[in-house]
Each structure stands twice: as structure tokens, then as C-alpha cells.
Protein backbone atom coordinates (compact mmCIF):
# COMPACT_ATOMS: atom_id res chain seq x y z
CA UNK A 1 0.00 0.00 0.00
CA UNK A 2 2.82 2.42 0.85
CA UNK A 3 4.48 1.71 -2.50
CA UNK A 4 1.27 2.60 -4.32
CA UNK A 5 0.83 5.78 -2.30
CA UNK A 6 4.42 6.79 -2.98
CA UNK A 7 3.87 6.14 -6.69
CA UNK A 8 0.77 8.33 -6.77
CA UNK A 9 2.52 11.10 -4.84
CA UNK A 10 5.36 11.01 -7.33
CA UNK A 11 2.93 11.15 -10.27
CA UNK A 12 1.21 14.22 -8.79
CA UNK A 13 4.50 16.11 -8.44
CA UNK A 14 5.69 15.16 -11.92
CA UNK A 15 2.35 16.16 -13.45
CA UNK A 16 2.45 19.57 -11.76
CA UNK A 17 5.89 20.37 -13.12
CA UNK A 18 5.06 19.11 -16.59
CA UNK A 19 1.74 20.98 -16.71
CA UNK A 20 3.26 24.32 -15.73
CA UNK A 21 6.20 23.80 -18.08
CA UNK A 22 4.44 22.60 -21.23
CA UNK A 23 1.35 24.81 -21.12
CA UNK A 24 3.57 27.88 -20.94
CA UNK A 25 6.13 26.49 -23.39
CA UNK A 26 3.43 26.18 -26.08
CA UNK A 27 3.13 29.97 -25.85
CA UNK A 28 6.90 30.54 -25.91
CA UNK A 29 7.12 31.13 -22.15
CA UNK A 30 9.91 29.22 -20.42
CA UNK A 31 12.85 29.31 -18.03
CA UNK A 32 15.67 26.95 -17.09
CA UNK A 33 14.73 23.49 -15.79
CA UNK A 34 16.25 24.28 -12.41
CA UNK A 35 14.35 27.56 -12.06
CA UNK A 36 11.14 25.95 -13.27
CA UNK A 37 11.29 23.26 -10.64
CA UNK A 38 11.94 25.74 -7.84
CA UNK A 39 9.08 28.00 -8.97
CA UNK A 40 6.61 25.12 -9.21
CA UNK A 41 7.64 23.93 -5.75
CA UNK A 42 7.29 27.55 -4.54
CA UNK A 43 10.89 27.60 -3.33
CA UNK A 44 11.90 30.81 -5.07
CA UNK A 45 10.36 34.06 -6.28
CA UNK A 46 10.00 34.72 -10.02
CA UNK A 47 12.66 37.03 -11.47
CA UNK A 48 11.62 37.63 -15.07
CA UNK A 49 8.34 38.27 -16.89
CA UNK A 50 8.36 34.68 -18.11
CA UNK A 51 8.85 33.37 -14.59
CA UNK A 52 6.07 35.64 -13.31
CA UNK A 53 3.65 34.10 -15.77
CA UNK A 54 4.91 30.61 -14.92
CA UNK A 55 4.25 31.30 -11.22
CA UNK A 56 0.80 32.60 -12.10
CA UNK A 57 -0.03 29.41 -13.99
CA UNK A 58 1.23 27.38 -11.02
CA UNK A 59 -1.21 29.10 -8.69
CA UNK A 60 -4.16 28.88 -11.10
CA UNK A 61 -3.41 25.18 -11.57
CA UNK A 62 -3.23 24.64 -7.81
CA UNK A 63 -6.59 26.34 -7.37
CA UNK A 64 -8.19 23.93 -9.82
CA UNK A 65 -6.52 20.85 -8.33
CA UNK A 66 -7.56 21.75 -4.79
CA UNK A 67 -10.89 23.56 -5.22
CA UNK A 68 -12.50 22.37 -8.46
CA UNK A 69 -15.68 21.35 -6.63
CA UNK A 70 -16.23 24.96 -5.58
CA UNK A 71 -15.47 26.61 -8.94
CA UNK A 72 -18.65 27.16 -10.96
CA UNK A 73 -18.54 27.22 -14.74
CA UNK A 74 -19.25 30.95 -14.81
CA UNK A 75 -17.62 34.06 -16.22
CA UNK A 76 -16.54 35.16 -12.74
CA UNK A 77 -14.50 31.96 -12.34
CA UNK A 78 -12.77 32.50 -15.67
CA UNK A 79 -11.91 36.08 -14.81
CA UNK A 80 -10.51 35.00 -11.44
CA UNK A 81 -8.30 32.31 -13.00
CA UNK A 82 -7.11 34.74 -15.66
CA UNK A 83 -6.29 37.30 -12.99
CA UNK A 84 -4.19 34.68 -11.20
CA UNK A 85 -2.21 34.06 -14.40
CA UNK A 86 -0.95 37.64 -14.33
CA UNK A 87 -0.93 38.45 -10.62
CA UNK A 88 2.87 38.29 -10.33
CA UNK A 89 3.41 40.26 -13.53
CA UNK A 90 1.18 43.11 -12.37
CA UNK A 91 -0.29 43.25 -15.88
CA UNK A 92 -3.50 45.29 -16.18
CA UNK A 93 -4.96 42.72 -18.57
CA UNK A 94 -5.23 40.10 -15.82
CA UNK A 95 -8.85 39.27 -14.99
CA UNK A 96 -10.25 41.52 -17.72
CA UNK A 97 -11.82 40.76 -21.05
CA UNK A 98 -10.18 42.15 -24.18
CA UNK A 99 -10.98 45.78 -24.92
CA UNK A 100 -9.93 45.60 -28.56
CA UNK A 101 -10.69 43.05 -31.25
CA UNK A 102 -8.05 40.35 -31.64
CA UNK A 103 -7.17 37.89 -34.35
CA UNK A 104 -5.60 34.46 -34.68
CA UNK A 105 -2.85 34.68 -37.26
CA UNK A 106 0.15 32.78 -38.59
CA UNK A 107 3.43 34.36 -39.66
CA UNK A 108 5.55 32.46 -42.16
CA UNK A 109 9.36 32.38 -42.44
CA UNK A 110 9.30 35.49 -44.63
CA UNK A 111 7.31 37.49 -42.10
CA UNK A 112 4.04 37.36 -44.03
CA UNK A 113 0.96 37.24 -41.83
CA UNK A 114 -2.11 35.17 -42.62
CA UNK A 115 -5.34 35.64 -40.66
CA UNK A 116 -6.57 32.18 -39.63
CA UNK A 117 -9.60 33.21 -37.60
CA UNK A 118 -11.36 36.34 -36.40
CA UNK A 119 -12.76 35.79 -32.88
CA UNK A 120 -15.85 37.42 -31.44
CA UNK A 121 -15.44 41.23 -31.34
CA UNK A 122 -14.57 42.79 -28.00
CA UNK A 123 -17.99 44.35 -27.44
CA UNK A 124 -19.68 40.91 -27.68
CA UNK A 125 -17.23 39.05 -25.46
CA UNK A 126 -18.96 39.24 -22.08
CA UNK A 127 -22.34 38.28 -23.52
CA UNK A 128 -20.80 35.41 -25.53
CA UNK A 129 -19.09 33.91 -22.48
CA UNK A 130 -22.30 34.17 -20.43
CA UNK A 131 -24.27 32.43 -23.18
CA UNK A 132 -21.62 29.73 -23.48
CA UNK A 133 -21.82 28.93 -19.76
CA UNK A 134 -25.62 28.94 -19.82
CA UNK A 135 -25.71 26.62 -22.83
CA UNK A 136 -23.25 24.25 -21.16
CA UNK A 137 -25.44 23.98 -18.04
CA UNK A 138 -28.56 23.43 -20.14
CA UNK A 139 -26.99 20.66 -22.22
CA UNK A 140 -25.69 18.82 -19.16
CA UNK A 141 -29.22 18.72 -17.73
CA UNK A 142 -30.54 16.88 -20.78
CA UNK A 143 -30.93 13.09 -20.62
CA UNK A 144 -28.80 10.79 -22.79
CA UNK A 145 -26.03 13.40 -23.18
CA UNK A 146 -22.45 12.29 -22.65
CA UNK A 147 -20.71 15.21 -20.89
CA UNK A 148 -17.32 14.08 -22.20
CA UNK A 149 -18.51 14.89 -25.72
CA UNK A 150 -19.74 18.32 -24.63
CA UNK A 151 -16.42 19.27 -22.99
CA UNK A 152 -14.41 19.73 -26.22
CA UNK A 153 -17.28 21.67 -27.79
CA UNK A 154 -17.19 24.05 -24.83
CA UNK A 155 -13.42 24.52 -25.15
CA UNK A 156 -13.73 25.05 -28.91
CA UNK A 157 -16.33 27.77 -28.39
CA UNK A 158 -14.19 29.37 -25.71
CA UNK A 159 -11.23 29.52 -28.09
CA UNK A 160 -13.37 30.90 -30.91
CA UNK A 161 -14.65 33.65 -28.59
CA UNK A 162 -11.03 34.31 -27.54
CA UNK A 163 -12.17 36.49 -24.65
CA UNK A 164 -8.81 37.81 -23.46
CA UNK A 165 -6.13 39.91 -25.10
CA UNK A 166 -3.56 37.32 -23.96
CA UNK A 167 -3.56 33.96 -22.20
CA UNK A 168 -6.44 32.32 -24.09
CA UNK A 169 -4.49 29.16 -24.88
CA UNK A 170 -3.36 28.65 -21.31
CA UNK A 171 -6.86 29.39 -20.04
CA UNK A 172 -8.33 26.80 -22.42
CA UNK A 173 -6.01 24.15 -20.98
CA UNK A 174 -6.85 25.13 -17.41
CA UNK A 175 -10.56 24.97 -18.24
CA UNK A 176 -10.10 21.57 -19.88
CA UNK A 177 -8.63 20.29 -16.62
CA UNK A 178 -11.37 21.96 -14.58
CA UNK A 179 -14.18 20.46 -16.65
CA UNK A 180 -12.59 17.02 -16.54
CA UNK A 181 -12.41 17.23 -12.77
CA UNK A 182 -16.01 18.36 -12.45
CA UNK A 183 -17.16 15.53 -14.72
CA UNK A 184 -15.37 12.97 -12.54
CA UNK A 185 -12.29 12.42 -14.69
CA UNK A 186 -9.34 12.96 -12.32
CA UNK A 187 -6.51 11.71 -14.50
CA UNK A 188 -5.17 15.29 -14.84
CA UNK A 189 -4.03 15.15 -11.24
CA UNK A 190 -1.56 12.38 -12.03
CA UNK A 191 -0.80 12.83 -15.74
CA UNK A 192 -0.25 16.24 -17.30
CA UNK A 193 -3.04 16.94 -19.80
CA UNK A 194 -1.02 19.96 -20.92
CA UNK A 195 1.97 17.78 -21.78
CA UNK A 196 -0.15 15.44 -23.87
CA UNK A 197 -1.41 18.48 -25.78
CA UNK A 198 2.10 19.92 -26.09
CA UNK A 199 3.43 16.64 -27.48
CA UNK A 200 0.66 16.56 -30.11
CA UNK A 201 0.35 20.30 -30.74
CA UNK A 202 0.46 19.98 -34.52
CA UNK A 203 -2.63 17.76 -34.38
CA UNK A 204 -4.16 20.17 -31.88
CA UNK A 205 -3.82 23.16 -34.19
CA UNK A 206 -5.06 21.17 -37.18
CA UNK A 207 -8.18 20.00 -35.32
CA UNK A 208 -8.83 23.50 -33.99
CA UNK A 209 -8.54 25.00 -37.45
CA UNK A 210 -10.85 22.40 -38.98
CA UNK A 211 -13.51 22.72 -36.31
CA UNK A 212 -13.46 26.54 -36.17
CA UNK A 213 -14.12 26.88 -39.90
CA UNK A 214 -17.59 28.46 -40.43
CA UNK A 215 -18.00 28.78 -36.63
CA UNK A 216 -19.48 32.28 -36.86
CA UNK A 217 -22.15 30.99 -39.27
CA UNK A 218 -23.01 28.08 -36.97
CA UNK A 219 -22.01 25.56 -39.67
CA UNK A 220 -18.72 24.34 -38.21
CA UNK A 221 -17.86 20.68 -37.69
CA UNK A 222 -17.06 19.95 -34.03
CA UNK A 223 -15.95 16.40 -34.76
CA UNK A 224 -12.22 16.97 -35.46
CA UNK A 225 -11.71 18.83 -32.16
CA UNK A 226 -13.91 16.36 -30.25
CA UNK A 227 -11.86 13.44 -31.59
CA UNK A 228 -8.62 15.17 -30.75
CA UNK A 229 -9.68 15.98 -27.17
CA UNK A 230 -10.97 12.47 -26.51
CA UNK A 231 -7.65 11.18 -27.82
CA UNK A 232 -5.83 13.37 -25.29
CA UNK A 233 -7.93 12.02 -22.42
CA UNK A 234 -7.44 8.43 -23.58
CA UNK A 235 -3.67 8.93 -23.91
CA UNK A 236 -3.54 10.36 -20.38
CA UNK A 237 -5.39 7.36 -18.93
CA UNK A 238 -3.15 4.93 -20.79
CA UNK A 239 -0.05 6.66 -19.46
CA UNK A 240 -1.52 6.67 -15.96
CA UNK A 241 -2.14 2.93 -16.11
CA UNK A 242 1.37 2.24 -17.38
CA UNK A 243 3.06 4.41 -14.78
CA UNK A 244 1.10 3.09 -11.82
CA UNK A 245 1.76 -0.46 -12.91
CA UNK A 246 5.43 0.32 -13.34
CA UNK A 247 6.06 2.05 -10.03
CA UNK A 248 3.53 0.48 -7.66
CA UNK A 249 3.86 -3.20 -8.45
CA UNK A 250 7.57 -3.23 -7.65
CA UNK A 251 9.31 -1.85 -4.61
CA UNK A 252 11.96 0.07 -6.55
CA UNK A 253 14.87 1.98 -5.09
CA UNK A 254 15.67 5.42 -6.47
CA UNK A 255 18.51 3.90 -8.45
CA UNK A 256 16.18 1.29 -9.96
CA UNK A 257 13.58 3.92 -10.84
CA UNK A 258 16.18 5.91 -12.78
CA UNK A 259 17.46 2.71 -14.38
CA UNK A 260 13.98 1.67 -15.53
CA UNK A 261 13.15 5.13 -16.89
CA UNK A 262 16.23 5.03 -19.13
CA UNK A 263 15.58 1.42 -20.13
CA UNK A 264 12.00 2.14 -21.19
CA UNK A 265 12.86 5.37 -23.03
CA UNK A 266 13.00 5.01 -26.78
CA UNK A 267 16.06 6.94 -27.93
CA UNK A 268 17.92 9.22 -25.55
CA UNK A 269 17.07 11.05 -22.34
CA UNK A 270 18.85 13.83 -20.45
CA UNK A 271 19.47 14.19 -16.74
CA UNK A 272 17.12 17.20 -16.72
CA UNK A 273 14.32 15.12 -18.24
CA UNK A 274 14.82 12.46 -15.60
CA UNK A 275 14.63 15.18 -12.95
CA UNK A 276 11.27 16.34 -14.28
CA UNK A 277 9.90 12.82 -14.06
CA UNK A 278 11.38 12.25 -10.59
CA UNK A 279 11.01 15.49 -8.62
CA UNK A 280 11.49 13.62 -5.34
CA UNK A 281 14.98 12.43 -6.39
CA UNK A 282 17.79 14.94 -6.03
CA UNK A 283 19.81 15.95 -9.07
CA UNK A 284 22.97 14.78 -7.31
CA UNK A 285 21.49 11.29 -6.85
CA UNK A 286 20.50 11.22 -10.53
CA UNK A 287 24.02 12.20 -11.59
CA UNK A 288 25.61 9.62 -9.30
CA UNK A 289 23.26 6.91 -10.58
CA UNK A 290 23.98 7.81 -14.20
CA UNK A 291 27.71 7.52 -13.51
CA UNK A 292 27.22 4.11 -11.87
CA UNK A 293 25.11 2.86 -14.78
CA UNK A 294 27.77 4.00 -17.24
CA UNK A 295 30.47 2.18 -15.29
CA UNK A 296 28.41 -1.01 -15.27
CA UNK A 297 27.89 -0.72 -19.02
CA UNK A 298 24.10 -0.63 -18.77
CA UNK A 299 23.85 2.97 -20.00
CA UNK A 300 25.72 4.77 -22.78
CA UNK A 301 26.58 8.45 -22.44
CA UNK A 302 26.25 10.56 -25.58
CA UNK A 303 27.59 14.05 -26.21
CA UNK A 304 28.98 16.36 -23.57
CA UNK A 305 28.26 19.49 -21.57
CA UNK A 306 24.76 20.89 -22.02
CA UNK A 307 24.18 18.40 -24.86
CA UNK A 308 24.80 15.30 -22.76
CA UNK A 309 22.20 12.56 -23.04
CA UNK A 310 21.92 8.88 -22.13
CA UNK A 311 20.55 5.75 -23.73
CA UNK A 312 20.08 2.14 -22.67
CA UNK A 313 22.77 -0.26 -23.89
CA UNK A 314 20.61 -2.68 -25.89
CA UNK A 315 23.64 -4.62 -27.12
CA UNK A 316 24.66 -5.63 -23.62
CA UNK A 317 21.07 -6.63 -22.91
CA UNK A 318 21.07 -9.03 -25.87
């Protein structure tokens, strides 16, 4: 029982770090791995604008993890979460809807901009969010409706409204987690939903673009985004099952945990990546273990300096 509890505790900590890291990284917001870990663990104050927004996401994420039962799907909740995103940055946009129309655009390698989607105009934003929340409540009250199919439609509409001047993507991922929690799907506590999205972001953007086409006319096709979102949830549950089975069914030492992570990694892995997956294991222990595994011939070291990575020695295994 203790082994299982330790495994779950470890999964929670890893998921927190990965969620804060990847959700911000999608938007080009990042810091060093060491600083990220300290900020997520609330062991240091943010120094830069990026770190301020990372700390804000950490707190918004914590609010959802700990208080989801008490957060209604209402505009006031969204504004509060958005305010938390920017509370360390002191940005005036935090907790306020956009005051100017925005656009979703792509810029190619030559600097040419292409408008992909025009969200709801600023003057219609508050009303649109209110209607979205009302419609969500009404649909959930209907019989024979699967709420898990309604969730991605809600997120799609939220993104098409694009209610804030900044932070819409991060808010959509926080709301995805919140809705999953409220619908009884708690996998996001143990497996980072944000990381699954980050690792499949090309598919995410393709599905979003397909499903937002003709949205203003009410003729859009929700199916691509619904399929994508359900795939994310399924992938998270599969990873949860694999990780719990891996860590809870065997009483592994820290050395063995590191050893098994490298062994089961396809390709290479860095010490920093191992640290993210094992926040309860010190970096010094990871380095010492890597050195021991190299000396025993089980692990091969590749590169050097900041480009150092490790891979399992398959030849010795055979």
C-alpha cells in the first residue's frame, strides 16, 4: 500500500511540473529546468516576466486541483483564474476581457501574416461567455447526453470567442482540466493533460482550425476537435495505467527507478528530463546513478556538456 501511495505522490508532483512547463512552453514562455522546478515547488520568487507568468499558472493550476468542486462554470471563475495568471506580472490585462478586437494569425518564415480566424469582437465578449456557460449547463441537464462529448465543444467555443487579449491558450487548458475534474475524470491530477497536448500540438492546431471553420455561421464541424480531445484524455489514462503499474507493483529503489526510466525510453534522455519525471529524487542522486550505470555498461553516455544525453545499452542486454 505504501508503495502505491508513494507512486501516486510522485505522479502528482511530476504532473504539476510538466503541466506548468508545457502549457507555458506552447506559448513561448519558459525558463531553465532548475528555475522551473523551484518555482513550481514555490521555493523561489519569479525574477523575469516569463517566470512571473509561470508562477501565475502554477497558482491557477493549484486552485483547480484543490478547489475544483467549488469553482462554478461561470464568467466570474474564468476572470478569477485569468487574474491569477498575471498576478505576479502586475499586468492590467489580468482578470479583464479584451478591450480591442483580436485575431488568430500565422506568420511564415518570410514574415508574411495570414489571418486564420477572427474571434468574437470585443464588445460581444462578455455576452458570448455568459451564453456559453448557460448553454453548457442546459446541455448537461438533458438526458442521454455524454458530458465528455460536450467538454471539447465548450473549449472550442471558448477559443473561438477568444475572450482575453492574452492567455487564451493557457486558459483553455486550465478549463479543460477543470471540466474534466467536475465531470469525474481525475486523470489530470496524475498525468499532465497539458503535456499530452504539447506533445501533439500539430494535431491540436489542425483539429482546432478544422472545427473553427464556419464557426461564426453556426455551420462548423465539431468532430475533429472532439476526436482530438478524446484522444488526449485516452492517452492520459493509458499513461496513468502504465506508470502506476510500473512504479507500484515493484518496490523500486531510487537507483532502480532511474534505471527503468532510461531502459524504457526510446532513444535518448537527459538528466534534466529524468529530474522532471522524478522530482522527489535529487539531481545529485541522478548524476551519481547515471555515472554508476555508465560504469556497469548498462547505460551509454552521448555528447557532452549541455548536450549530454543517455541511452540504454541494448547490445549488452542481448
